[in-house]
Each structure stands twice: as structure tokens, then as C-alpha cells.
Amino acid sequence: MANLNSPQGSISMNLVLFSQTDFIGTNLIAIRDSRRLQHIKEVHQVKVDDNLKVGLINGKIGSGKVVLFTEAEIQLEVSLTQNSPKPLPVTLVLALPRPKMLKRTLQTIATLGVKKIYLINSYRVEKSYWQTPLLDEEAIAEHLLIGLEQGCDTQLPEVHLIKRFKPFVEDDLREIVGNTRALVAHPYTDLACPAQIDYAITLAIGPEGGFIPYEIDLLQKCGFTAVNLGERIMRVETVVPYLLGRLY
């Protein structure tokens, strides 16, 4: 389970997420870590008998009534009655961004409702990117949780790390694509990206500078259609929300 005491305290917590380890009794949880405590006190400014929107990680959403408020903890009596928002029918195949973009991109992906992510290697992905501590399982989960809090969602996305491009595309990707439509964002094609679709897709997005022609060729042999996003060249952290917003 991820550490809910993430350093990103300034991000809006529209949903107070908690885990099974927060339960101290039947339908009773205790918030004791500094990040959530500080946010609830300073942003929500609750008092005893107030209600917060809460969600159990990988569970339901509901309300939490404040029954105890001290400097060390806030106890909530929770009632979970609502399912998470419907996820986007997207499998995202994303060339590993540079570390300073990675955390923001993970948060955005989680906020927008993507539930299956493959972070892959590419010719233009620097080897040093794979050494970042942001790829530790705990760090990835923390940034996904921040995105879920923003989007009022509880379902943690799956993140797979793929360090070899060619074997992944040739051996695994076709099965991952399955019956979805496979699209790859590519600035050097005349085919415009579709908009407002109503079907599932597997979406590949390259690194800064895009996939090289050899990689595009391998993806096309695997069933991907190259589509462009118009005349503007965007950073990865901009492309992801732009594309998902355009498509759905």
C-alpha cells in the first residue's frame, strides 16, 4: 500500500483517500499522517460533526463524519455507498518522460481515469531516466494517489515498466491491444487524430521528439495507426491531457 503521507501537500484534495490500515474500528478511521491532517485542518477547516468526502483506495466513495479532532489525529465515521467514476477505456503506452515531467504526468493520468499504463523505453529516452527514484513502486503509487484525490476517484491504475522496446512491441503489445483500436501520436502523418470517440483504444505516445521512424514502423506492424495532433508540437505533460480530452 502506498504511503499517504506524500510530500505534495499543495495539491487539492477533493477526496480524502484512506486505506484499510486507517481503520481503528467498524466504519471508524483515524487520519494521523501529517499531509492529510494538515490539508483537512487548513483547507477543509472542519470541526466535529462536519462531513468530508472520502474514499477507500480501490473501494467505494462516501462521506466521513468528524467524530474526534485533535492535534494528533482526526477520526471519521465513514459510510461508503458510491462507486468510483467510470474509467476511460484507454490503455496508455507512454515513452518514459524525463523525471521532472513524470510525476505531473502520472498525476494527470490518474485524475483523468486511465487505469492501465505502460511506461516504455524508446530510442530518445535517456538511460538515466530509468534510474530515477520516482520509478520506485512507492513513489509511483503516491503520485497516482494525488491524481485520484484531485479527480475524486479511488481505483489505482496499473503501471508497468518496460525497459526494452522491440521485444515488448513484437512479443507482448499485440495481446495488450486486443480488440481495441490502436493509435500512435505522430507529427509526421496526414491523418488527423479522431475526436469524441465511443470505443476503447490503446494509445501510444512517444518521448520528447517523438518515436523514431523505426519505432513507428514496428508499431504499425503491430496494428497501430499513426495520427497527428495538428501543427503544434507539445510536451508530453501537455499531450496526455490534450489527447485524452480530444478523444473522450
Foldseek 3Di string as FASTA:
>chain_A
DADLLDPPLVQDQQEAEDEPVQDPDVQKGKDFHDSVLVCCCPPVVDDAQDKHWYDYAQGFIFIWGFHDDDPGITMTRTDGDHAFPDAALEAEEEAQEAVVLRLLLLLQCLLRRDAHYEHEHAPPDDPVSVVDPCPPPNNSQNSSVSSCSNNVGRYHHDYHYYYDQVCCLVPPVLVVQPPAQEEEEDAPDDAADAFQDDTHYYYYYYAQVTHDPVSVVSNVVSRYDYHYHPDDDDHPSVVVVVNVNGHD
